C-alpha atoms as a PDB file:
ATOM      1  CA  MET A   1     -13.487 -28.465  56.005  1.00  0.00           C
ATOM      2  CA  SER A   2     -15.379 -31.476  54.375  1.00  0.00           C
ATOM      3  CA  TYR A   3     -15.883 -31.463  51.132  1.00  0.00           C
ATOM      4  CA  LYS A   4     -19.974 -30.620  51.347  1.00  0.00           C
ATOM      5  CA  GLU A   5     -17.704 -26.622  52.164  1.00  0.00           C
ATOM      6  CA  VAL A   6     -17.000 -26.185  49.072  1.00  0.00           C
ATOM      7  CA  GLU A   7     -18.191 -23.632  47.048  1.00  0.00           C
ATOM      8  CA  ASP A   8     -20.133 -25.268  43.852  1.00  0.00           C
ATOM      9  CA  HIS A   9     -17.885 -23.110  41.342  1.00  0.00           C
ATOM     10  CA  TYR A  10     -14.575 -24.877  42.534  1.00  0.00           C
ATOM     11  CA  LEU A  11     -15.924 -28.677  43.031  1.00  0.00           C
ATOM     12  CA  GLU A  12     -17.320 -27.425  38.680  1.00  0.00           C
ATOM     13  CA  TYR A  13     -13.890 -26.777  37.997  1.00  0.00           C
ATOM     14  CA  VAL A  14     -11.783 -29.582  39.684  1.00  0.00           C
ATOM     15  CA  VAL A  15     -14.785 -31.993  37.804  1.00  0.00           C
ATOM     16  CA  ALA A  16     -13.920 -30.253  34.494  1.00  0.00           C
ATOM     17  CA  GLN A  17      -9.926 -30.785  34.105  1.00  0.00           C
ATOM     18  CA  ILE A  18     -10.782 -34.394  36.041  1.00  0.00           C
ATOM     19  CA  LYS A  19     -12.805 -35.094  32.997  1.00  0.00           C
ATOM     20  CA  GLU A  20     -10.481 -33.294  30.397  1.00  0.00           C
ATOM     21  CA  CYS A  21      -7.512 -35.134  31.802  1.00  0.00           C
ATOM     22  CA  LEU A  22      -9.663 -38.709  31.598  1.00  0.00           C
ATOM     23  CA  GLU A  23     -10.432 -38.002  27.874  1.00  0.00           C
ATOM     24  CA  PHE A  24      -7.010 -36.756  27.222  1.00  0.00           C
ATOM     25  CA  ILE A  25      -4.907 -39.984  28.715  1.00  0.00           C
ATOM     26  CA  GLY A  26      -8.440 -42.232  26.398  1.00  0.00           C
ATOM     27  CA  THR A  27      -6.895 -40.041  23.799  1.00  0.00           C
ATOM     28  CA  VAL A  28      -3.506 -40.771  24.130  1.00  0.00           C
ATOM     29  CA  LEU A  29      -3.661 -44.921  25.418  1.00  0.00           C
ATOM     30  CA  GLY A  30      -6.801 -45.247  22.720  1.00  0.00           C
ATOM     31  CA  LYS A  31      -8.832 -46.876  24.718  1.00  0.00           C
ATOM     32  CA  LYS A  32     -12.122 -45.456  26.784  1.00  0.00           C
ATOM     33  CA  LEU A  33     -12.569 -44.812  30.512  1.00  0.00           C
ATOM     34  CA  ASP A  34     -14.831 -47.310  31.535  1.00  0.00           C
ATOM     35  CA  GLU A  35     -16.763 -45.738  33.872  1.00  0.00           C
ATOM     36  CA  ASP A  36     -18.352 -48.132  35.600  1.00  0.00           C
ATOM     37  CA  ARG A  37     -14.669 -49.597  36.014  1.00  0.00           C
ATOM     38  CA  LEU A  38     -13.709 -46.253  37.170  1.00  0.00           C
ATOM     39  CA  ARG A  39     -16.510 -46.323  40.252  1.00  0.00           C
ATOM     40  CA  GLU A  40     -15.760 -49.897  41.171  1.00  0.00           C
ATOM     41  CA  VAL A  41     -11.737 -48.902  41.835  1.00  0.00           C
ATOM     42  CA  VAL A  42     -12.493 -45.494  43.439  1.00  0.00           C
ATOM     43  CA  ARG A  43     -15.098 -47.581  46.152  1.00  0.00           C
ATOM     44  CA  LEU A  44     -12.338 -50.185  46.518  1.00  0.00           C
ATOM     45  CA  SER A  45     -10.066 -47.260  47.450  1.00  0.00           C
ATOM     46  CA  ASP A  46     -12.480 -45.520  49.734  1.00  0.00           C
ATOM     47  CA  LYS A  47     -13.110 -48.863  51.734  1.00  0.00           C
ATOM     48  CA  PRO A  48      -9.556 -49.127  52.755  1.00  0.00           C
ATOM     49  CA  ALA A  49      -8.960 -45.681  54.266  1.00  0.00           C
ATOM     50  CA  GLU A  50     -12.122 -46.167  55.374  1.00  0.00           C
ATOM     51  CA  LEU A  51     -11.245 -49.104  57.926  1.00  0.00           C
ATOM     52  CA  PHE A  52      -7.539 -47.488  59.191  1.00  0.00           C
ATOM     53  CA  ASP A  53      -9.185 -44.966  59.938  1.00  0.00           C
ATOM     54  CA  GLU A  54     -11.254 -46.772  62.234  1.00  0.00           C
ATOM     55  CA  VAL A  55      -8.806 -48.496  63.549  1.00  0.00           C
ATOM     56  CA  GLN A  56      -6.562 -44.861  63.956  1.00  0.00           C
ATOM     57  CA  GLU A  57      -9.493 -44.209  66.503  1.00  0.00           C
ATOM     58  CA  LEU A  58      -9.557 -48.116  68.143  1.00  0.00           C
ATOM     59  CA  ARG A  59      -5.155 -47.277  69.085  1.00  0.00           C
ATOM     60  CA  LYS A  60      -6.497 -44.425  70.825  1.00  0.00           C
ATOM     61  CA  ALA A  61      -7.378 -46.404  73.750  1.00  0.00           C
ATOM     62  CA  ALA A  62      -4.582 -47.090  77.306  1.00  0.00           C
ATOM     63  CA  PRO A  63      -3.806 -49.319  76.540  1.00  0.00           C
ATOM     64  CA  CYS A  64      -3.132 -48.621  73.552  1.00  0.00           C
ATOM     65  CA  PRO A  65      -3.957 -52.342  71.520  1.00  0.00           C
ATOM     66  CA  ALA A  66      -1.578 -51.614  68.375  1.00  0.00           C
ATOM     67  CA  GLY A  67       1.614 -50.225  68.779  1.00  0.00           C
ATOM     68  CA  SER A  68       3.050 -47.726  66.206  1.00  0.00           C
ATOM     69  CA  GLU A  69       5.216 -50.901  65.100  1.00  0.00           C
ATOM     70  CA  ASP A  70       1.533 -52.782  63.868  1.00  0.00           C
ATOM     71  CA  ILE A  71      -0.045 -50.015  62.501  1.00  0.00           C
ATOM     72  CA  LEU A  72       3.131 -49.159  60.237  1.00  0.00           C
ATOM     73  CA  SER A  73       4.111 -52.154  58.280  1.00  0.00           C
ATOM     74  CA  CYS A  74      -0.127 -51.348  57.160  1.00  0.00           C
ATOM     75  CA  ILE A  75       1.613 -48.214  55.009  1.00  0.00           C
ATOM     76  CA  MET A  76       3.071 -49.648  52.109  1.00  0.00           C
ATOM     77  CA  PRO A  77       0.152 -51.626  51.485  1.00  0.00           C
ATOM     78  CA  MET A  78      -2.307 -48.803  52.154  1.00  0.00           C
ATOM     79  CA  VAL A  79      -0.760 -46.838  49.398  1.00  0.00           C
ATOM     80  CA  SER A  80       0.321 -49.564  46.954  1.00  0.00           C
ATOM     81  CA  GLY A  81      -3.032 -51.732  47.541  1.00  0.00           C
ATOM     82  CA  GLN A  82      -5.081 -49.001  46.306  1.00  0.00           C
ATOM     83  CA  GLY A  83      -8.486 -50.059  44.301  1.00  0.00           C
ATOM     84  CA  VAL A  84      -7.825 -53.941  44.707  1.00  0.00           C
ATOM     85  CA  ARG A  85     -10.620 -56.229  46.373  1.00  0.00           C
ATOM     86  CA  LEU A  86      -8.068 -57.696  48.963  1.00  0.00           C
ATOM     87  CA  LEU A  87      -6.708 -54.609  50.046  1.00  0.00           C
ATOM     88  CA  SER A  88      -9.579 -54.549  52.468  1.00  0.00           C
ATOM     89  CA  ILE A  89      -9.961 -58.205  52.926  1.00  0.00           C
ATOM     90  CA  PHE A  90      -6.277 -57.710  54.693  1.00  0.00           C
ATOM     91  CA  ILE A  91      -6.820 -54.484  56.043  1.00  0.00           C
ATOM     92  CA  GLN A  92      -9.829 -55.775  58.360  1.00  0.00           C
ATOM     93  CA  SER A  93      -8.031 -58.568  59.089  1.00  0.00           C
END
């Protein structure tokens, strides 16, 4: 199921919960959320995942151009590097 198939009321509920959570975090930290920065971090986090999906598609070829050992070395940067511009460069190389 894609996000396009989700009923509107479910999406509205999740959006409201996220907004409430971000508001709470801002109150606790005493800082206002920088929505532009959040959008940038989300964009930077999405790009490596898209690139990784492309790599996985390429791995379906026979013979496989990259073994599991090669791919496993990418997992930690994918987890710890979310929102970092350098991660996209790493995945592309």
